[in-house]
Amino acid sequence: HLQYERYILHELLPFIRWKNQTPRLSVTGCSFGGYQCGEFCVEASG
């Protein structure tokens, strides 16, 4: 799980920010994925 979290926070989110230079970002997911969306966003925001 920690490997996946690092991928999301340090590879995927920076890539999304590079592709889309808007300050807005929305995330969503179903079931456990929904929980992880929130977890990762809190982690990314510090």
ModelCIF file with pLDDT and N, C-alpha, C, O atoms, coordinates in Angstrom:
data_MODEL
#
_entry.id   MODEL 
#
_entity.id                         1 
_entity.type                       polymer 
_entity.pdbx_number_of_molecules   1 
#
_entity_poly.entity_id                      1 
_entity_poly.type                           'polypeptide(L)' 
_entity_poly.nstd_linkage                   no 
_entity_poly.nstd_monomer                   no 
_entity_poly.pdbx_seq_one_letter_code       HLQYERYILHELLPFIRWKNQTPRLSVTGCSFGGYQCGEFCVEASG 
_entity_poly.pdbx_seq_one_letter_code_can   HLQYERYILHELLPFIRWKNQTPRLSVTGCSFGGYQCGEFCVEASG 
_entity_poly.pdbx_strand_id                 A 
#
loop_
_entity_poly_seq.entity_id 
_entity_poly_seq.num 
_entity_poly_seq.mon_id 
_entity_poly_seq.hetero 
1 1  HIS n 
1 2  LEU n 
1 3  GLN n 
1 4  TYR n 
1 5  GLU n 
1 6  ARG n 
1 7  TYR n 
1 8  ILE n 
1 9  LEU n 
1 10 HIS n 
1 11 GLU n 
1 12 LEU n 
1 13 LEU n 
1 14 PRO n 
1 15 PHE n 
1 16 ILE n 
1 17 ARG n 
1 18 TRP n 
1 19 LYS n 
1 20 ASN n 
1 21 GLN n 
1 22 THR n 
1 23 PRO n 
1 24 ARG n 
1 25 LEU n 
1 26 SER n 
1 27 VAL n 
1 28 THR n 
1 29 GLY n 
1 30 CYS n 
1 31 SER n 
1 32 PHE n 
1 33 GLY n 
1 34 GLY n 
1 35 TYR n 
1 36 GLN n 
1 37 CYS n 
1 38 GLY n 
1 39 GLU n 
1 40 PHE n 
1 41 CYS n 
1 42 VAL n 
1 43 GLU n 
1 44 ALA n 
1 45 SER n 
1 46 GLY n 
#
_struct_asym.id          A 
_struct_asym.entity_id   1 
#
loop_
_ma_qa_metric.id 
_ma_qa_metric.mode 
_ma_qa_metric.name 
_ma_qa_metric.software_group_id 
_ma_qa_metric.type 
1 global pLDDT . pLDDT 
2 local  pLDDT . pLDDT 
#
_ma_qa_metric_global.metric_id      1 
_ma_qa_metric_global.metric_value   82.63 
_ma_qa_metric_global.model_id       1 
_ma_qa_metric_global.ordinal_id     1 
#
loop_
_ma_qa_metric_local.label_asym_id 
_ma_qa_metric_local.label_comp_id 
_ma_qa_metric_local.label_seq_id 
_ma_qa_metric_local.metric_id 
_ma_qa_metric_local.metric_value 
_ma_qa_metric_local.model_id 
_ma_qa_metric_local.ordinal_id 
A HIS 1  2 93.00 1 1  
A LEU 2  2 94.00 1 2  
A GLN 3  2 95.00 1 3  
A TYR 4  2 92.00 1 4  
A GLU 5  2 90.00 1 5  
A ARG 6  2 92.00 1 6  
A TYR 7  2 92.00 1 7  
A ILE 8  2 90.00 1 8  
A LEU 9  2 89.00 1 9  
A HIS 10 2 92.00 1 10 
A GLU 11 2 93.00 1 11 
A LEU 12 2 90.00 1 12 
A LEU 13 2 88.00 1 13 
A PRO 14 2 91.00 1 14 
A PHE 15 2 93.00 1 15 
A ILE 16 2 89.00 1 16 
A ARG 17 2 89.00 1 17 
A TRP 18 2 93.00 1 18 
A LYS 19 2 91.00 1 19 
A ASN 20 2 87.00 1 20 
A GLN 21 2 85.00 1 21 
A THR 22 2 83.00 1 22 
A PRO 23 2 82.00 1 23 
A ARG 24 2 82.00 1 24 
A LEU 25 2 80.00 1 25 
A SER 26 2 81.00 1 26 
A VAL 27 2 80.00 1 27 
A THR 28 2 80.00 1 28 
A GLY 29 2 77.00 1 29 
A CYS 30 2 77.00 1 30 
A SER 31 2 78.00 1 31 
A PHE 32 2 76.00 1 32 
A GLY 33 2 77.00 1 33 
A GLY 34 2 75.00 1 34 
A TYR 35 2 73.00 1 35 
A GLN 36 2 78.00 1 36 
A CYS 37 2 75.00 1 37 
A GLY 38 2 74.00 1 38 
A GLU 39 2 75.00 1 39 
A PHE 40 2 73.00 1 40 
A CYS 41 2 72.00 1 41 
A VAL 42 2 69.00 1 42 
A GLU 43 2 71.00 1 43 
A ALA 44 2 71.00 1 44 
A SER 45 2 68.00 1 45 
A GLY 46 2 66.00 1 46 
#
loop_
_atom_site.group_PDB 
_atom_site.id 
_atom_site.type_symbol 
_atom_site.label_atom_id 
_atom_site.label_alt_id 
_atom_site.label_comp_id 
_atom_site.label_asym_id 
_atom_site.label_entity_id 
_atom_site.label_seq_id 
_atom_site.pdbx_PDB_ins_code 
_atom_site.Cartn_x 
_atom_site.Cartn_y 
_atom_site.Cartn_z 
_atom_site.occupancy 
_atom_site.B_iso_or_equiv 
_atom_site.pdbx_formal_charge 
_atom_site.auth_seq_id 
_atom_site.auth_comp_id 
_atom_site.auth_asym_id 
_atom_site.auth_atom_id 
_atom_site.pdbx_PDB_model_num 
ATOM 1   N N  . HIS A 1 1  ? 0.836   -1.199 0.000   1.00 93.00 ? 1  HIS A N  1 
ATOM 2   C CA . HIS A 1 1  ? 0.000   0.000  0.000   1.00 93.00 ? 1  HIS A CA 1 
ATOM 3   C C  . HIS A 1 1  ? 0.877   1.258  0.000   1.00 93.00 ? 1  HIS A C  1 
ATOM 4   O O  . HIS A 1 1  ? 0.582   2.216  -0.715  1.00 93.00 ? 1  HIS A O  1 
ATOM 5   N N  . LEU A 1 2  ? 1.937   1.262  0.786   1.00 94.00 ? 2  LEU A N  1 
ATOM 6   C CA . LEU A 1 2  ? 2.822   2.421  0.839   1.00 94.00 ? 2  LEU A CA 1 
ATOM 7   C C  . LEU A 1 2  ? 3.518   2.672  -0.500  1.00 94.00 ? 2  LEU A C  1 
ATOM 8   O O  . LEU A 1 2  ? 3.749   3.822  -0.874  1.00 94.00 ? 2  LEU A O  1 
ATOM 9   N N  . GLN A 1 3  ? 3.853   1.601  -1.222  1.00 95.00 ? 3  GLN A N  1 
ATOM 10  C CA . GLN A 1 3  ? 4.418   1.765  -2.567  1.00 95.00 ? 3  GLN A CA 1 
ATOM 11  C C  . GLN A 1 3  ? 3.405   2.462  -3.470  1.00 95.00 ? 3  GLN A C  1 
ATOM 12  O O  . GLN A 1 3  ? 3.752   3.378  -4.215  1.00 95.00 ? 3  GLN A O  1 
ATOM 13  N N  . TYR A 1 4  ? 2.164   2.024  -3.398  1.00 92.00 ? 4  TYR A N  1 
ATOM 14  C CA . TYR A 1 4  ? 1.097   2.610  -4.212  1.00 92.00 ? 4  TYR A CA 1 
ATOM 15  C C  . TYR A 1 4  ? 0.885   4.082  -3.827  1.00 92.00 ? 4  TYR A C  1 
ATOM 16  O O  . TYR A 1 4  ? 0.745   4.946  -4.693  1.00 92.00 ? 4  TYR A O  1 
ATOM 17  N N  . GLU A 1 5  ? 0.866   4.347  -2.537  1.00 90.00 ? 5  GLU A N  1 
ATOM 18  C CA . GLU A 1 5  ? 0.692   5.723  -2.076  1.00 90.00 ? 5  GLU A CA 1 
ATOM 19  C C  . GLU A 1 5  ? 1.801   6.630  -2.612  1.00 90.00 ? 5  GLU A C  1 
ATOM 20  O O  . GLU A 1 5  ? 1.535   7.740  -3.071  1.00 90.00 ? 5  GLU A O  1 
ATOM 21  N N  . ARG A 1 6  ? 3.043   6.149  -2.550  1.00 92.00 ? 6  ARG A N  1 
ATOM 22  C CA . ARG A 1 6  ? 4.157   6.941  -3.082  1.00 92.00 ? 6  ARG A CA 1 
ATOM 23  C C  . ARG A 1 6  ? 4.004   7.187  -4.572  1.00 92.00 ? 6  ARG A C  1 
ATOM 24  O O  . ARG A 1 6  ? 4.306   8.276  -5.060  1.00 92.00 ? 6  ARG A O  1 
ATOM 25  N N  . TYR A 1 7  ? 3.533   6.173  -5.300  1.00 92.00 ? 7  TYR A N  1 
ATOM 26  C CA . TYR A 1 7  ? 3.294   6.346  -6.734  1.00 92.00 ? 7  TYR A CA 1 
ATOM 27  C C  . TYR A 1 7  ? 2.264   7.459  -6.978  1.00 92.00 ? 7  TYR A C  1 
ATOM 28  O O  . TYR A 1 7  ? 2.493   8.352  -7.793  1.00 92.00 ? 7  TYR A O  1 
ATOM 29  N N  . ILE A 1 8  ? 1.147   7.402  -6.278  1.00 90.00 ? 8  ILE A N  1 
ATOM 30  C CA . ILE A 1 8  ? 0.093   8.399  -6.452  1.00 90.00 ? 8  ILE A CA 1 
ATOM 31  C C  . ILE A 1 8  ? 0.619   9.798  -6.109  1.00 90.00 ? 8  ILE A C  1 
ATOM 32  O O  . ILE A 1 8  ? 0.441   10.739 -6.882  1.00 90.00 ? 8  ILE A O  1 
ATOM 33  N N  . LEU A 1 9  ? 1.261   9.925  -4.956  1.00 89.00 ? 9  LEU A N  1 
ATOM 34  C CA . LEU A 1 9  ? 1.689   11.238 -4.477  1.00 89.00 ? 9  LEU A CA 1 
ATOM 35  C C  . LEU A 1 9  ? 2.885   11.809 -5.220  1.00 89.00 ? 9  LEU A C  1 
ATOM 36  O O  . LEU A 1 9  ? 2.965   13.022 -5.419  1.00 89.00 ? 9  LEU A O  1 
ATOM 37  N N  . HIS A 1 10 ? 3.811   10.960 -5.631  1.00 92.00 ? 10 HIS A N  1 
ATOM 38  C CA . HIS A 1 10 ? 5.071   11.460 -6.180  1.00 92.00 ? 10 HIS A CA 1 
ATOM 39  C C  . HIS A 1 10 ? 5.219   11.286 -7.683  1.00 92.00 ? 10 HIS A C  1 
ATOM 40  O O  . HIS A 1 10 ? 6.137   11.844 -8.285  1.00 92.00 ? 10 HIS A O  1 
ATOM 41  N N  . GLU A 1 11 ? 4.321   10.516 -8.297  1.00 93.00 ? 11 GLU A N  1 
ATOM 42  C CA . GLU A 1 11 ? 4.383   10.358 -9.748  1.00 93.00 ? 11 GLU A CA 1 
ATOM 43  C C  . GLU A 1 11 ? 3.084   10.792 -10.429 1.00 93.00 ? 11 GLU A C  1 
ATOM 44  O O  . GLU A 1 11 ? 3.102   11.639 -11.322 1.00 93.00 ? 11 GLU A O  1 
ATOM 45  N N  . LEU A 1 12 ? 1.962   10.214 -10.008 1.00 90.00 ? 12 LEU A N  1 
ATOM 46  C CA . LEU A 1 12 ? 0.703   10.518 -10.688 1.00 90.00 ? 12 LEU A CA 1 
ATOM 47  C C  . LEU A 1 12 ? 0.247   11.963 -10.459 1.00 90.00 ? 12 LEU A C  1 
ATOM 48  O O  . LEU A 1 12 ? -0.038  12.671 -11.425 1.00 90.00 ? 12 LEU A O  1 
ATOM 49  N N  . LEU A 1 13 ? 0.174   12.410 -9.213  1.00 88.00 ? 13 LEU A N  1 
ATOM 50  C CA . LEU A 1 13 ? -0.285  13.777 -8.966  1.00 88.00 ? 13 LEU A CA 1 
ATOM 51  C C  . LEU A 1 13 ? 0.616   14.827 -9.615  1.00 88.00 ? 13 LEU A C  1 
ATOM 52  O O  . LEU A 1 13 ? 0.096   15.774 -10.204 1.00 88.00 ? 13 LEU A O  1 
ATOM 53  N N  . PRO A 1 14 ? 1.939   14.705 -9.534  1.00 91.00 ? 14 PRO A N  1 
ATOM 54  C CA . PRO A 1 14 ? 2.770   15.674 -10.255 1.00 91.00 ? 14 PRO A CA 1 
ATOM 55  C C  . PRO A 1 14 ? 2.540   15.640 -11.772 1.00 91.00 ? 14 PRO A C  1 
ATOM 56  O O  . PRO A 1 14 ? 2.572   16.682 -12.426 1.00 91.00 ? 14 PRO A O  1 
ATOM 57  N N  . PHE A 1 15 ? 2.311   14.458 -12.324 1.00 93.00 ? 15 PHE A N  1 
ATOM 58  C CA . PHE A 1 15 ? 2.014   14.361 -13.759 1.00 93.00 ? 15 PHE A CA 1 
ATOM 59  C C  . PHE A 1 15 ? 0.712   15.071 -14.094 1.00 93.00 ? 15 PHE A C  1 
ATOM 60  O O  . PHE A 1 15 ? 0.636   15.800 -15.083 1.00 93.00 ? 15 PHE A O  1 
ATOM 61  N N  . ILE A 1 16 ? -0.313  14.861 -13.275 1.00 89.00 ? 16 ILE A N  1 
ATOM 62  C CA . ILE A 1 16 ? -1.599  15.527 -13.506 1.00 89.00 ? 16 ILE A CA 1 
ATOM 63  C C  . ILE A 1 16 ? -1.429  17.042 -13.411 1.00 89.00 ? 16 ILE A C  1 
ATOM 64  O O  . ILE A 1 16 ? -1.972  17.780 -14.233 1.00 89.00 ? 16 ILE A O  1 
ATOM 65  N N  . ARG A 1 17 ? -0.687  17.503 -12.423 1.00 89.00 ? 17 ARG A N  1 
ATOM 66  C CA . ARG A 1 17 ? -0.440  18.947 -12.273 1.00 89.00 ? 17 ARG A CA 1 
ATOM 67  C C  . ARG A 1 17 ? 0.331   19.506 -13.472 1.00 89.00 ? 17 ARG A C  1 
ATOM 68  O O  . ARG A 1 17 ? 0.085   20.635 -13.898 1.00 89.00 ? 17 ARG A O  1 
ATOM 69  N N  . TRP A 1 18 ? 1.252   18.727 -14.009 1.00 93.00 ? 18 TRP A N  1 
ATOM 70  C CA . TRP A 1 18 ? 2.007   19.150 -15.192 1.00 93.00 ? 18 TRP A CA 1 
ATOM 71  C C  . TRP A 1 18 ? 1.095   19.238 -16.415 1.00 93.00 ? 18 TRP A C  1 
ATOM 72  O O  . TRP A 1 18 ? 1.187   20.187 -17.194 1.00 93.00 ? 18 TRP A O  1 
ATOM 73  N N  . LYS A 1 19 ? 0.218   18.249 -16.583 1.00 91.00 ? 19 LYS A N  1 
ATOM 74  C CA . LYS A 1 19 ? -0.704  18.234 -17.720 1.00 91.00 ? 19 LYS A CA 1 
ATOM 75  C C  . LYS A 1 19 ? -1.763  19.323 -17.607 1.00 91.00 ? 19 LYS A C  1 
ATOM 76  O O  . LYS A 1 19 ? -2.204  19.859 -18.624 1.00 91.00 ? 19 LYS A O  1 
ATOM 77  N N  . ASN A 1 20 ? -2.173  19.653 -16.405 1.00 87.00 ? 20 ASN A N  1 
ATOM 78  C CA . ASN A 1 20 ? -3.268  20.592 -16.160 1.00 87.00 ? 20 ASN A CA 1 
ATOM 79  C C  . ASN A 1 20 ? -2.826  21.580 -15.101 1.00 87.00 ? 20 ASN A C  1 
ATOM 80  O O  . ASN A 1 20 ? -2.773  21.246 -13.918 1.00 87.00 ? 20 ASN A O  1 
ATOM 81  N N  . GLN A 1 21 ? -2.514  22.772 -15.513 1.00 85.00 ? 21 GLN A N  1 
ATOM 82  C CA . GLN A 1 21 ? -1.950  23.744 -14.588 1.00 85.00 ? 21 GLN A CA 1 
ATOM 83  C C  . GLN A 1 21 ? -3.026  24.602 -13.927 1.00 85.00 ? 21 GLN A C  1 
ATOM 84  O O  . GLN A 1 21 ? -2.836  25.799 -13.708 1.00 85.00 ? 21 GLN A O  1 
ATOM 85  N N  . THR A 1 22 ? -4.127  23.990 -13.621 1.00 83.00 ? 22 THR A N  1 
ATOM 86  C CA . THR A 1 22 ? -5.205  24.668 -12.908 1.00 83.00 ? 22 THR A CA 1 
ATOM 87  C C  . THR A 1 22 ? -5.050  24.406 -11.406 1.00 83.00 ? 22 THR A C  1 
ATOM 88  O O  . THR A 1 22 ? -4.559  23.346 -11.019 1.00 83.00 ? 22 THR A O  1 
ATOM 89  N N  . PRO A 1 23 ? -5.450  25.329 -10.576 1.00 82.00 ? 23 PRO A N  1 
ATOM 90  C CA . PRO A 1 23 ? -5.356  25.082 -9.130  1.00 82.00 ? 23 PRO A CA 1 
ATOM 91  C C  . PRO A 1 23 ? -6.418  24.110 -8.627  1.00 82.00 ? 23 PRO A C  1 
ATOM 92  O O  . PRO A 1 23 ? -6.358  23.660 -7.483  1.00 82.00 ? 23 PRO A O  1 
ATOM 93  N N  . ARG A 1 24 ? -7.390  23.784 -9.481  1.00 82.00 ? 24 ARG A N  1 
ATOM 94  C CA . ARG A 1 24 ? -8.478  22.900 -9.057  1.00 82.00 ? 24 ARG A CA 1 
ATOM 95  C C  . ARG A 1 24 ? -8.160  21.450 -9.380  1.00 82.00 ? 24 ARG A C  1 
ATOM 96  O O  . ARG A 1 24 ? -7.618  21.139 -10.441 1.00 82.00 ? 24 ARG A O  1 
ATOM 97  N N  . LEU A 1 25 ? -8.504  20.573 -8.454  1.00 80.00 ? 25 LEU A N  1 
ATOM 98  C CA . LEU A 1 25 ? -8.350  19.141 -8.641  1.00 80.00 ? 25 LEU A CA 1 
ATOM 99  C C  . LEU A 1 25 ? -9.482  18.461 -7.893  1.00 80.00 ? 25 LEU A C  1 
ATOM 100 O O  . LEU A 1 25 ? -9.698  18.736 -6.712  1.00 80.00 ? 25 LEU A O  1 
ATOM 101 N N  . SER A 1 26 ? -10.193 17.594 -8.553  1.00 81.00 ? 26 SER A N  1 
ATOM 102 C CA . SER A 1 26 ? -11.254 16.829 -7.907  1.00 81.00 ? 26 SER A CA 1 
ATOM 103 C C  . SER A 1 26 ? -10.893 15.360 -7.982  1.00 81.00 ? 26 SER A C  1 
ATOM 104 O O  . SER A 1 26 ? -10.333 14.899 -8.977  1.00 81.00 ? 26 SER A O  1 
ATOM 105 N N  . VAL A 1 27 ? -11.209 14.638 -6.943  1.00 80.00 ? 27 VAL A N  1 
ATOM 106 C CA . VAL A 1 27 ? -10.955 13.203 -6.917  1.00 80.00 ? 27 VAL A CA 1 
ATOM 107 C C  . VAL A 1 27 ? -12.219 12.487 -6.469  1.00 80.00 ? 27 VAL A C  1 
ATOM 108 O O  . VAL A 1 27 ? -13.036 13.037 -5.730  1.00 80.00 ? 27 VAL A O  1 
ATOM 109 N N  . THR A 1 28 ? -12.361 11.280 -6.919  1.00 80.00 ? 28 THR A N  1 
ATOM 110 C CA . THR A 1 28 ? -13.507 10.471 -6.514  1.00 80.00 ? 28 THR A CA 1 
ATOM 111 C C  . THR A 1 28 ? -13.139 9.005  -6.644  1.00 80.00 ? 28 THR A C  1 
ATOM 112 O O  . THR A 1 28 ? -12.194 8.651  -7.349  1.00 80.00 ? 28 THR A O  1 
ATOM 113 N N  . GLY A 1 29 ? -13.864 8.187  -5.984  1.00 77.00 ? 29 GLY A N  1 
ATOM 114 C CA . GLY A 1 29 ? -13.652 6.752  -6.069  1.00 77.00 ? 29 GLY A CA 1 
ATOM 115 C C  . GLY A 1 29 ? -14.818 6.032  -5.436  1.00 77.00 ? 29 GLY A C  1 
ATOM 116 O O  . GLY A 1 29 ? -15.630 6.627  -4.727  1.00 77.00 ? 29 GLY A O  1 
ATOM 117 N N  . CYS A 1 30 ? -14.890 4.754  -5.700  1.00 77.00 ? 30 CYS A N  1 
ATOM 118 C CA . CYS A 1 30 ? -15.952 3.927  -5.139  1.00 77.00 ? 30 CYS A CA 1 
ATOM 119 C C  . CYS A 1 30 ? -15.387 3.070  -4.013  1.00 77.00 ? 30 CYS A C  1 
ATOM 120 O O  . CYS A 1 30 ? -14.274 2.555  -4.116  1.00 77.00 ? 30 CYS A O  1 
ATOM 121 N N  . SER A 1 31 ? -16.144 2.923  -2.956  1.00 78.00 ? 31 SER A N  1 
ATOM 122 C CA . SER A 1 31 ? -15.793 2.038  -1.862  1.00 78.00 ? 31 SER A CA 1 
ATOM 123 C C  . SER A 1 31 ? -14.423 2.401  -1.291  1.00 78.00 ? 31 SER A C  1 
ATOM 124 O O  . SER A 1 31 ? -14.206 3.546  -0.894  1.00 78.00 ? 31 SER A O  1 
ATOM 125 N N  . PHE A 1 32 ? -13.517 1.462  -1.245  1.00 76.00 ? 32 PHE A N  1 
ATOM 126 C CA . PHE A 1 32 ? -12.195 1.693  -0.674  1.00 76.00 ? 32 PHE A CA 1 
ATOM 127 C C  . PHE A 1 32 ? -11.432 2.742  -1.487  1.00 76.00 ? 32 PHE A C  1 
ATOM 128 O O  . PHE A 1 32 ? -10.646 3.505  -0.925  1.00 76.00 ? 32 PHE A O  1 
ATOM 129 N N  . GLY A 1 33 ? -11.654 2.787  -2.782  1.00 77.00 ? 33 GLY A N  1 
ATOM 130 C CA . GLY A 1 33 ? -11.019 3.798  -3.626  1.00 77.00 ? 33 GLY A CA 1 
ATOM 131 C C  . GLY A 1 33 ? -11.434 5.204  -3.240  1.00 77.00 ? 33 GLY A C  1 
ATOM 132 O O  . GLY A 1 33 ? -10.631 6.133  -3.323  1.00 77.00 ? 33 GLY A O  1 
ATOM 133 N N  . GLY A 1 34 ? -12.671 5.371  -2.822  1.00 75.00 ? 34 GLY A N  1 
ATOM 134 C CA . GLY A 1 34 ? -13.138 6.671  -2.360  1.00 75.00 ? 34 GLY A CA 1 
ATOM 135 C C  . GLY A 1 34 ? -12.421 7.101  -1.096  1.00 75.00 ? 34 GLY A C  1 
ATOM 136 O O  . GLY A 1 34 ? -12.037 8.262  -0.953  1.00 75.00 ? 34 GLY A O  1 
ATOM 137 N N  . TYR A 1 35 ? -12.245 6.170  -0.190  1.00 73.00 ? 35 TYR A N  1 
ATOM 138 C CA . TYR A 1 35 ? -11.495 6.464  1.034   1.00 73.00 ? 35 TYR A CA 1 
ATOM 139 C C  . TYR A 1 35 ? -10.060 6.862  0.689   1.00 73.00 ? 35 TYR A C  1 
ATOM 140 O O  . TYR A 1 35 ? -9.533  7.837  1.225   1.00 73.00 ? 35 TYR A O  1 
ATOM 141 N N  . GLN A 1 36 ? -9.437  6.106  -0.205  1.00 78.00 ? 36 GLN A N  1 
ATOM 142 C CA . GLN A 1 36 ? -8.052  6.387  -0.561  1.00 78.00 ? 36 GLN A CA 1 
ATOM 143 C C  . GLN A 1 36 ? -7.909  7.735  -1.253  1.00 78.00 ? 36 GLN A C  1 
ATOM 144 O O  . GLN A 1 36 ? -6.908  8.423  -1.050  1.00 78.00 ? 36 GLN A O  1 
ATOM 145 N N  . CYS A 1 37 ? -8.878  8.124  -2.059  1.00 75.00 ? 37 CYS A N  1 
ATOM 146 C CA . CYS A 1 37 ? -8.837  9.456  -2.676  1.00 75.00 ? 37 CYS A CA 1 
ATOM 147 C C  . CYS A 1 37 ? -8.705  10.533 -1.609  1.00 75.00 ? 37 CYS A C  1 
ATOM 148 O O  . CYS A 1 37 ? -7.868  11.429 -1.716  1.00 75.00 ? 37 CYS A O  1 
ATOM 149 N N  . GLY A 1 38 ? -9.526  10.438 -0.597  1.00 74.00 ? 38 GLY A N  1 
ATOM 150 C CA . GLY A 1 38 ? -9.467  11.412 0.484   1.00 74.00 ? 38 GLY A CA 1 
ATOM 151 C C  . GLY A 1 38 ? -8.164  11.339 1.256   1.00 74.00 ? 38 GLY A C  1 
ATOM 152 O O  . GLY A 1 38 ? -7.575  12.367 1.589   1.00 74.00 ? 38 GLY A O  1 
ATOM 153 N N  . GLU A 1 39 ? -7.718  10.135 1.537   1.00 75.00 ? 39 GLU A N  1 
ATOM 154 C CA . GLU A 1 39 ? -6.461  9.943  2.267   1.00 75.00 ? 39 GLU A CA 1 
ATOM 155 C C  . GLU A 1 39 ? -5.296  10.566 1.508   1.00 75.00 ? 39 GLU A C  1 
ATOM 156 O O  . GLU A 1 39 ? -4.477  11.274 2.095   1.00 75.00 ? 39 GLU A O  1 
ATOM 157 N N  . PHE A 1 40 ? -5.219  10.303 0.203   1.00 73.00 ? 40 PHE A N  1 
ATOM 158 C CA . PHE A 1 40 ? -4.106  10.797 -0.585  1.00 73.00 ? 40 PHE A CA 1 
ATOM 159 C C  . PHE A 1 40 ? -4.164  12.319 -0.732  1.00 73.00 ? 40 PHE A C  1 
ATOM 160 O O  . PHE A 1 40 ? -3.128  12.984 -0.755  1.00 73.00 ? 40 PHE A O  1 
ATOM 161 N N  . CYS A 1 41 ? -5.365  12.862 -0.829  1.00 72.00 ? 41 CYS A N  1 
ATOM 162 C CA . CYS A 1 41 ? -5.484  14.325 -0.964  1.00 72.00 ? 41 CYS A CA 1 
ATOM 163 C C  . CYS A 1 41 ? -5.056  15.014 0.318   1.00 72.00 ? 41 CYS A C  1 
ATOM 164 O O  . CYS A 1 41 ? -4.395  16.050 0.267   1.00 72.00 ? 41 CYS A O  1 
ATOM 165 N N  . VAL A 1 42 ? -5.415  14.468 1.454   1.00 69.00 ? 42 VAL A N  1 
ATOM 166 C CA . VAL A 1 42 ? -4.983  15.041 2.734   1.00 69.00 ? 42 VAL A CA 1 
ATOM 167 C C  . VAL A 1 42 ? -3.464  14.957 2.825   1.00 69.00 ? 42 VAL A C  1 
ATOM 168 O O  . VAL A 1 42 ? -2.809  15.914 3.237   1.00 69.00 ? 42 VAL A O  1 
ATOM 169 N N  . GLU A 1 43 ? -2.910  13.821 2.444   1.00 71.00 ? 43 GLU A N  1 
ATOM 170 C CA . GLU A 1 43 ? -1.448  13.643 2.484   1.00 71.00 ? 43 GLU A CA 1 
ATOM 171 C C  . GLU A 1 43 ? -0.765  14.640 1.549   1.00 71.00 ? 43 GLU A C  1 
ATOM 172 O O  . GLU A 1 43 ? 0.235   15.256 1.917   1.00 71.00 ? 43 GLU A O  1 
ATOM 173 N N  . ALA A 1 44 ? -1.303  14.795 0.347   1.00 71.00 ? 44 ALA A N  1 
ATOM 174 C CA . ALA A 1 44 ? -0.691  15.705 -0.653  1.00 71.00 ? 44 ALA A CA 1 
ATOM 175 C C  . ALA A 1 44 ? -0.766  17.153 -0.206  1.00 71.00 ? 44 ALA A C  1 
ATOM 176 O O  . ALA A 1 44 ? 0.127   17.941 -0.518  1.00 71.00 ? 44 ALA A O  1 
ATOM 177 N N  . SER A 1 45 ? -1.812  17.515 0.517   1.00 68.00 ? 45 SER A N  1 
ATOM 178 C CA . SER A 1 45 ? -1.970  18.904 0.936   1.00 68.00 ? 45 SER A CA 1 
ATOM 179 C C  . SER A 1 45 ? -1.174  19.226 2.200   1.00 68.00 ? 45 SER A C  1 
ATOM 180 O O  . SER A 1 45 ? -1.039  20.389 2.581   1.00 68.00 ? 45 SER A O  1 
ATOM 181 N N  . GLY A 1 46 ? -0.649  18.184 2.843   1.00 66.00 ? 46 GLY A N  1 
ATOM 182 C CA . GLY A 1 46 ? 0.141   18.397 4.065   1.00 66.00 ? 46 GLY A CA 1 
ATOM 183 C C  . GLY A 1 46 ? -0.689  18.638 5.289   1.00 66.00 ? 46 GLY A C  1 
ATOM 184 O O  . GLY A 1 46 ? -0.144  18.830 6.376   1.00 66.00 ? 46 GLY A O  1 
#
